[in-house]
Amino acid sequence: MNPLIKPLTRITFIILASITQLSAFTPSKFTAKQIDDIQMQIYLDQKHFGPGVLDGKPGRYTKMAIQAYNLSHGYPAGNESKLRAAAKKEITRIFALATVPSIADKYVNPLTPPDTDREAQSKEKQLSYRSVAEFMAERYHTNEDVLIALNGYSKVKNLKLRSPIHVPNVKPFIIEYMKNGKGYKSDSDLSRRWVVVDTKKNQLRIFDARFEQLSSEEKKKTPAKAMVVEDDYKPWDESKAKLIAAFPITPGRKETTHYGDWKIKNAVEFPTWRYDKSLLKTGVRSKEFLDIPAGPNNPVGVLWMGLTKSGIGIHGTNNPRTIGRAISSGCIRMANWDVVHVPRYARPGSTVIIK
């Protein structure tokens, strides 16, 4: 998917973030094991080893996050004891009482056209959330089913501005901090890092390239600022690099996936999307297309990172439930709450290895 980025007027928002109060709330529909598991998921999420949707049901993507976290800390891959101990120490309150912020009104429109009607979508000013519940679920890295289990069906389906609601106690994804068309520039440190897109594991891993040629003893003795590696150093060896973050992804179909080494070309918040049937089906751009406006329900989500391979990028999604499950048309999809962290770790100029 390749968005056509247009110059847009910046809007200054008055930020009204959710007011979150910690509570000793224990949900009746969660078992003790599920509560322990969601505590661990929250901890992994906060350390940017994405476990997927916070639901207290650790599956394949939570297990991969555990392995990545352990690898980064030098622990045995499948061992959870140290991880759970750290989670219990740091995440002392597993659930919180959050207030639906007034700003949600700017991002929710129940009449947002469905994905089956691209022409109608192209006529909108913004592709908004379709409910306050959807807004709050994404804000707290979960889904509506979990919100219903925590709060009851009626309350979730009738959420209004300033309503209190129990949520996983995670640092929220604050969409109002993002700006239409805001770009990220290359960075002397972040652009040296490299990204592995593992299409077999459905995981994106980010490494600090400055560590890759150093032995364990050298890593201990060398100050971080002095660690430098040649930009063209190959092969990229994960065993010699510092793993700093990992997230679940949905890769493209095998026939449309472009394996190999690429570079991040650009990174843009709130992109518009150039909907081109020919490009999606055949990989060949045509002159017949629609411009789909920015917003959380844009098919490329809230962030686009284009690669040097034309038409291919790393981006968000309008359906986090499908991450790791449904196949994309060729790009790398991530949950919106995960993809916003990628520019904090890697920037234009960083190498992306799709394997």
Protein backbone atom coordinates (compact mmCIF):
# COMPACT_ATOMS: atom_id res chain seq x y z
CA MET A 1 0.00 0.00 0.00
CA ASN A 2 1.40 3.36 -0.92
CA PRO A 3 -0.14 6.55 0.46
CA LEU A 4 -0.09 9.77 -1.54
CA ILE A 5 1.01 12.32 1.00
CA LYS A 6 -0.48 15.77 0.54
CA PRO A 7 0.53 18.98 2.29
CA LEU A 8 -2.08 19.56 4.99
CA THR A 9 -2.69 22.50 7.25
CA ARG A 10 -1.56 21.77 10.77
CA ILE A 11 -4.25 22.04 13.39
CA THR A 12 -3.45 22.98 16.95
CA PHE A 13 -5.37 20.79 19.38
CA ILE A 14 -6.11 21.47 23.01
CA ILE A 15 -4.94 18.20 24.47
CA LEU A 16 -7.37 16.66 26.91
CA ALA A 17 -5.82 13.28 27.73
CA SER A 18 -7.73 10.64 29.66
CA ILE A 19 -7.78 11.16 33.40
CA THR A 20 -6.71 7.78 34.76
CA GLN A 21 -7.17 6.76 38.37
CA LEU A 22 -5.60 3.58 39.70
CA SER A 23 -7.96 1.25 41.46
CA ALA A 24 -7.99 -2.12 43.23
CA PHE A 25 -10.60 -3.33 40.75
CA THR A 26 -10.72 -7.11 40.16
CA PRO A 27 -12.87 -8.21 37.19
CA SER A 28 -15.23 -11.08 37.96
CA LYS A 29 -15.02 -12.50 34.44
CA PHE A 30 -11.24 -12.94 34.56
CA THR A 31 -9.61 -15.93 36.24
CA ALA A 32 -6.58 -15.45 38.51
CA LYS A 33 -4.42 -16.91 35.72
CA GLN A 34 -5.81 -14.45 33.16
CA ILE A 35 -5.14 -11.54 35.51
CA ASP A 36 -1.52 -12.68 35.94
CA ASP A 37 -1.22 -13.10 32.18
CA ILE A 38 -2.57 -9.65 31.34
CA GLN A 39 -0.17 -8.21 33.93
CA MET A 40 2.68 -9.85 32.02
CA GLN A 41 1.29 -8.62 28.68
CA ILE A 42 1.09 -5.06 29.99
CA TYR A 43 4.69 -5.24 31.18
CA LEU A 44 5.91 -6.55 27.80
CA ASP A 45 3.90 -3.88 25.99
CA GLN A 46 5.42 -1.13 28.11
CA LYS A 47 8.91 -2.43 27.38
CA HIS A 48 8.08 -2.37 23.63
CA PHE A 49 8.10 -6.11 23.17
CA GLY A 50 4.58 -6.17 21.80
CA PRO A 51 2.44 -9.15 22.89
CA GLY A 52 -0.48 -8.21 20.64
CA VAL A 53 -3.91 -7.31 22.02
CA LEU A 54 -3.97 -7.05 25.83
CA ASP A 55 -6.52 -9.74 26.64
CA GLY A 56 -5.09 -12.08 29.30
CA LYS A 57 -4.97 -14.90 26.75
CA PRO A 58 -1.31 -15.30 25.79
CA GLY A 59 -0.99 -16.98 22.41
CA ARG A 60 1.66 -17.13 19.72
CA TYR A 61 2.45 -13.40 19.73
CA THR A 62 2.77 -13.12 23.49
CA LYS A 63 5.10 -16.14 23.45
CA MET A 64 7.23 -14.50 20.74
CA ALA A 65 7.33 -11.29 22.79
CA ILE A 66 8.52 -13.32 25.79
CA GLN A 67 11.30 -14.90 23.71
CA ALA A 68 12.39 -11.51 22.34
CA TYR A 69 12.35 -9.91 25.79
CA ASN A 70 14.40 -12.78 27.25
CA LEU A 71 16.88 -12.60 24.38
CA SER A 72 17.39 -8.89 24.94
CA HIS A 73 18.08 -9.51 28.64
CA GLY A 74 20.20 -12.62 28.26
CA TYR A 75 17.59 -14.95 29.83
CA PRO A 76 16.61 -18.44 28.59
CA ALA A 77 14.18 -18.02 25.67
CA GLY A 78 11.14 -19.79 27.12
CA ASN A 79 11.65 -19.03 30.79
CA GLU A 80 8.94 -16.76 32.24
CA SER A 81 9.96 -16.64 35.90
CA LYS A 82 12.16 -13.52 35.77
CA LEU A 83 9.75 -11.78 33.41
CA ARG A 84 6.73 -12.43 35.63
CA ALA A 85 8.68 -11.36 38.72
CA ALA A 86 9.59 -8.07 37.00
CA ALA A 87 5.96 -7.61 35.91
CA LYS A 88 4.63 -8.13 39.44
CA LYS A 89 7.15 -5.64 40.80
CA GLU A 90 6.51 -2.91 38.22
CA ILE A 91 2.81 -3.37 37.29
CA THR A 92 1.33 -3.15 40.77
CA ARG A 93 -2.11 -2.16 39.49
CA ILE A 94 -3.31 -4.22 36.54
CA PHE A 95 -6.49 -2.29 35.75
CA ALA A 96 -7.30 1.41 35.89
CA LEU A 97 -10.37 3.62 35.77
CA ALA A 98 -10.07 5.93 32.77
CA THR A 99 -12.34 8.73 31.66
CA VAL A 100 -13.37 9.01 28.02
CA PRO A 101 -11.66 12.28 27.02
CA SER A 102 -13.67 15.10 25.46
CA ILE A 103 -11.24 15.09 22.52
CA ALA A 104 -12.73 11.72 21.45
CA ASP A 105 -15.52 13.71 19.82
CA LYS A 106 -13.04 14.80 17.11
CA TYR A 107 -12.11 11.20 16.27
CA VAL A 108 -15.43 9.33 16.42
CA ASN A 109 -18.02 9.24 13.63
CA PRO A 110 -20.57 6.37 13.63
CA LEU A 111 -21.27 7.13 9.96
CA THR A 112 -17.70 6.46 8.77
CA PRO A 113 -18.12 4.43 5.54
CA PRO A 114 -17.03 0.75 5.60
CA ASP A 115 -14.00 -0.61 3.74
CA THR A 116 -16.36 -2.09 1.15
CA ASP A 117 -17.15 1.43 -0.09
CA ARG A 118 -13.84 3.12 -0.97
CA GLU A 119 -15.55 5.75 -3.09
CA ALA A 120 -17.61 6.94 -0.13
CA GLN A 121 -14.49 6.88 2.07
CA SER A 122 -12.65 9.09 -0.42
CA LYS A 123 -15.29 11.80 0.09
CA GLU A 124 -14.78 11.98 3.85
CA LYS A 125 -12.54 14.54 5.55
CA GLN A 126 -11.25 11.91 7.98
CA LEU A 127 -11.72 8.17 8.50
CA SER A 128 -12.72 8.19 12.15
CA TYR A 129 -13.43 5.53 14.74
CA ARG A 130 -16.99 4.26 14.42
CA SER A 131 -17.70 4.27 18.18
CA VAL A 132 -16.38 5.57 21.47
CA ALA A 133 -15.77 1.94 22.47
CA GLU A 134 -13.47 1.46 19.46
CA PHE A 135 -11.64 4.68 20.39
CA MET A 136 -11.09 3.50 23.99
CA ALA A 137 -10.15 -0.06 23.03
CA GLU A 138 -7.34 1.11 20.74
CA ARG A 139 -6.27 3.78 23.22
CA TYR A 140 -5.60 1.07 25.80
CA HIS A 141 -4.17 -1.56 23.42
CA THR A 142 -7.07 -3.98 23.69
CA ASN A 143 -10.39 -4.82 22.03
CA GLU A 144 -14.04 -4.23 22.75
CA ASP A 145 -14.54 -7.79 24.04
CA VAL A 146 -12.08 -7.12 26.86
CA LEU A 147 -13.76 -3.80 27.69
CA ILE A 148 -17.10 -5.62 27.84
CA ALA A 149 -15.65 -8.29 30.16
CA LEU A 150 -14.35 -5.51 32.43
CA ASN A 151 -17.37 -3.21 32.35
CA GLY A 152 -20.42 -5.01 30.98
CA TYR A 153 -22.01 -4.95 27.52
CA SER A 154 -24.46 -2.12 28.10
CA LYS A 155 -21.90 0.30 29.52
CA VAL A 156 -19.41 -0.27 26.71
CA LYS A 157 -21.96 -0.03 23.92
CA ASN A 158 -23.38 3.19 25.39
CA LEU A 159 -20.13 4.97 26.24
CA LYS A 160 -20.25 8.75 26.13
CA LEU A 161 -17.74 11.56 26.57
CA ARG A 162 -16.47 11.87 30.16
CA SER A 163 -17.78 8.39 31.07
CA PRO A 164 -15.55 6.35 33.41
CA ILE A 165 -14.49 2.90 32.23
CA HIS A 166 -12.12 0.20 33.46
CA VAL A 167 -9.19 -0.52 31.13
CA PRO A 168 -5.82 -2.31 31.20
CA ASN A 169 -3.37 -0.12 33.11
CA VAL A 170 -1.14 0.63 30.14
CA LYS A 171 0.31 3.88 28.88
CA PRO A 172 -2.39 5.00 26.43
CA PHE A 173 -2.00 5.51 22.70
CA ILE A 174 -2.89 9.22 22.54
CA ILE A 175 -3.98 9.80 18.98
CA GLU A 176 -4.46 13.54 19.47
CA TYR A 177 -0.70 13.96 19.84
CA MET A 178 -0.30 13.03 16.17
CA LYS A 179 -0.45 15.52 13.30
CA ASN A 180 -1.61 15.26 9.70
CA GLY A 181 1.40 14.82 7.44
CA LYS A 182 4.04 15.21 10.18
CA GLY A 183 7.29 13.67 8.92
CA TYR A 184 10.32 12.16 10.65
CA LYS A 185 13.83 12.98 9.45
CA SER A 186 16.92 10.80 9.49
CA ASP A 187 18.94 10.76 12.69
CA SER A 188 22.67 10.13 13.17
CA ASP A 189 21.99 7.44 15.77
CA LEU A 190 18.54 6.07 14.94
CA SER A 191 19.25 5.76 11.21
CA ARG A 192 22.13 3.39 11.97
CA ARG A 193 19.75 0.91 13.52
CA TRP A 194 18.28 -1.91 11.47
CA VAL A 195 14.95 -3.66 11.28
CA VAL A 196 14.25 -7.33 10.61
CA VAL A 197 10.83 -8.19 9.19
CA ASP A 198 10.45 -11.91 9.87
CA THR A 199 7.62 -13.13 7.61
CA LYS A 200 7.79 -16.67 9.04
CA LYS A 201 7.35 -15.61 12.66
CA ASN A 202 5.19 -12.57 11.82
CA GLN A 203 7.42 -10.35 13.93
CA LEU A 204 9.32 -7.10 13.40
CA ARG A 205 12.55 -6.77 15.39
CA ILE A 206 14.67 -3.65 15.82
CA PHE A 207 18.41 -3.84 16.54
CA ASP A 208 21.03 -1.33 17.52
CA ALA A 209 23.68 -1.76 14.83
CA ARG A 210 26.31 -0.04 16.96
CA PHE A 211 26.63 -3.25 18.99
CA GLU A 212 26.86 -5.82 16.24
CA GLN A 213 30.64 -6.05 15.87
CA LEU A 214 31.38 -6.01 19.57
CA SER A 215 32.06 -8.97 21.82
CA SER A 216 30.29 -9.30 25.17
CA GLU A 217 33.33 -7.91 26.99
CA GLU A 218 33.64 -4.99 24.55
CA LYS A 219 29.96 -4.14 25.05
CA LYS A 220 30.53 -3.86 28.79
CA LYS A 221 33.62 -1.68 28.45
CA THR A 222 32.59 0.62 25.59
CA PRO A 223 30.38 3.66 26.31
CA ALA A 224 27.23 3.67 24.18
CA LYS A 225 28.14 6.97 22.50
CA ALA A 226 31.44 5.52 21.29
CA MET A 227 29.90 2.46 19.65
CA VAL A 228 30.13 2.82 15.88
CA VAL A 229 29.79 0.33 13.05
CA GLU A 230 30.35 0.74 9.33
CA ASP A 231 27.06 1.54 7.55
CA ASP A 232 27.62 -1.14 4.93
CA TYR A 233 28.59 -3.92 7.35
CA LYS A 234 27.15 -7.27 6.22
CA PRO A 235 25.89 -9.84 6.82
CA TRP A 236 23.41 -8.57 9.39
CA ASP A 237 23.92 -10.93 12.29
CA GLU A 238 21.15 -10.86 14.91
CA SER A 239 23.28 -12.87 17.32
CA LYS A 240 25.84 -10.03 17.46
CA ALA A 241 23.35 -7.17 17.75
CA LYS A 242 21.46 -5.54 20.60
CA LEU A 243 17.73 -6.32 20.30
CA ILE A 244 15.85 -3.27 21.56
CA ALA A 245 12.22 -3.78 20.50
CA ALA A 246 9.93 -6.31 18.80
CA PHE A 247 6.32 -6.19 17.59
CA PRO A 248 3.83 -8.58 15.94
CA ILE A 249 3.07 -7.92 12.26
CA THR A 250 1.06 -9.08 9.30
CA PRO A 251 3.32 -9.54 6.26
CA GLY A 252 2.26 -9.44 2.63
CA ARG A 253 1.35 -12.44 0.50
CA LYS A 254 4.36 -14.51 -0.59
CA GLU A 255 3.85 -13.56 -4.23
CA THR A 256 3.84 -9.84 -3.39
CA THR A 257 6.48 -9.81 -0.64
CA HIS A 258 9.78 -8.24 -1.68
CA TYR A 259 12.44 -10.13 0.24
CA GLY A 260 15.87 -8.59 0.67
CA ASP A 261 17.57 -5.51 2.10
CA TRP A 262 15.89 -2.12 1.77
CA LYS A 263 16.07 1.26 3.49
CA ILE A 264 13.42 3.31 5.23
CA LYS A 265 12.75 6.16 2.81
CA ASN A 266 10.23 8.26 4.74
CA ALA A 267 8.01 8.23 7.81
CA VAL A 268 4.75 10.20 7.96
CA GLU A 269 1.97 10.49 10.53
CA PHE A 270 -1.68 10.48 9.44
CA PRO A 271 -1.01 9.68 5.77
CA THR A 272 -3.62 9.62 3.03
CA TRP A 273 -3.77 6.37 1.07
CA ARG A 274 -3.71 6.02 -2.69
CA TYR A 275 -6.26 3.28 -3.33
CA ASP A 276 -5.28 1.63 -6.60
CA LYS A 277 -6.85 -1.75 -7.40
CA SER A 278 -4.22 -2.53 -10.00
CA LEU A 279 -1.35 -1.84 -7.58
CA LEU A 280 -2.91 -4.03 -4.89
CA LYS A 281 -3.61 -6.96 -7.21
CA THR A 282 -0.66 -6.90 -9.60
CA GLY A 283 1.91 -4.57 -8.04
CA VAL A 284 1.64 -2.28 -11.07
CA ARG A 285 0.50 1.30 -10.49
CA SER A 286 -2.39 2.56 -12.67
CA LYS A 287 -3.93 5.96 -13.38
CA GLU A 288 -7.25 4.99 -11.79
CA PHE A 289 -7.15 5.55 -8.04
CA LEU A 290 -8.89 7.17 -5.09
CA ASP A 291 -7.32 9.24 -2.31
CA ILE A 292 -8.50 7.81 1.01
CA PRO A 293 -8.24 10.46 3.77
CA ALA A 294 -6.17 10.11 6.93
CA GLY A 295 -7.53 8.87 10.23
CA PRO A 296 -7.46 5.87 12.59
CA ASN A 297 -9.69 3.87 10.22
CA ASN A 298 -7.52 4.56 7.18
CA PRO A 299 -6.34 1.13 5.90
CA VAL A 300 -2.69 2.17 6.47
CA GLY A 301 -3.47 3.36 9.97
CA VAL A 302 -1.89 6.39 11.63
CA LEU A 303 1.69 6.03 10.37
CA TRP A 304 3.39 5.13 7.09
CA MET A 305 7.09 4.27 6.75
CA GLY A 306 7.87 3.88 3.06
CA LEU A 307 10.76 1.69 1.95
CA THR A 308 13.13 2.19 -0.97
CA LYS A 309 11.15 -0.55 -2.73
CA SER A 310 8.39 1.45 -4.41
CA GLY A 311 4.89 0.86 -3.06
CA ILE A 312 6.04 -1.11 0.00
CA GLY A 313 6.03 0.16 3.55
CA ILE A 314 5.57 -0.51 7.24
CA HIS A 315 2.28 0.95 8.47
CA GLY A 316 -0.59 0.81 10.94
CA THR A 317 -4.00 -0.76 10.48
CA ASN A 318 -7.69 -0.05 10.93
CA ASN A 319 -8.23 -3.54 12.36
CA PRO A 320 -5.74 -4.60 15.07
CA ARG A 321 -7.57 -7.93 15.51
CA THR A 322 -6.16 -9.08 12.17
CA ILE A 323 -2.48 -8.51 13.03
CA GLY A 324 -0.62 -11.78 12.52
CA ARG A 325 -3.67 -13.39 10.95
CA ALA A 326 -5.07 -11.83 7.75
CA ILE A 327 -2.53 -11.41 4.94
CA SER A 328 -1.86 -7.92 3.54
CA SER A 329 -1.39 -6.93 -0.10
CA GLY A 330 2.38 -6.65 0.19
CA CYS A 331 3.16 -4.23 2.99
CA ILE A 332 3.97 -4.80 6.67
CA ARG A 333 1.00 -4.09 8.95
CA MET A 334 1.16 -3.34 12.67
CA ALA A 335 -1.31 -2.26 15.34
CA ASN A 336 -1.52 1.54 15.51
CA TRP A 337 -0.36 1.52 19.15
CA ASP A 338 2.77 -0.40 18.08
CA VAL A 339 3.67 1.29 14.80
CA VAL A 340 3.90 4.73 16.42
CA HIS A 341 6.95 3.50 18.36
CA VAL A 342 8.97 2.50 15.30
CA PRO A 343 10.22 6.06 14.46
CA ARG A 344 11.45 6.32 18.05
CA TYR A 345 13.82 3.41 17.35
CA ALA A 346 14.53 3.58 13.60
CA ARG A 347 14.43 6.45 11.11
CA PRO A 348 14.78 7.09 7.38
CA GLY A 349 18.10 5.62 6.34
CA SER A 350 17.75 2.54 8.57
CA THR A 351 18.15 -0.82 6.84
CA VAL A 352 15.08 -3.07 6.70
CA ILE A 353 15.69 -6.76 6.06
CA ILE A 354 12.60 -8.66 4.87
CA LYS A 355 13.15 -12.39 5.20
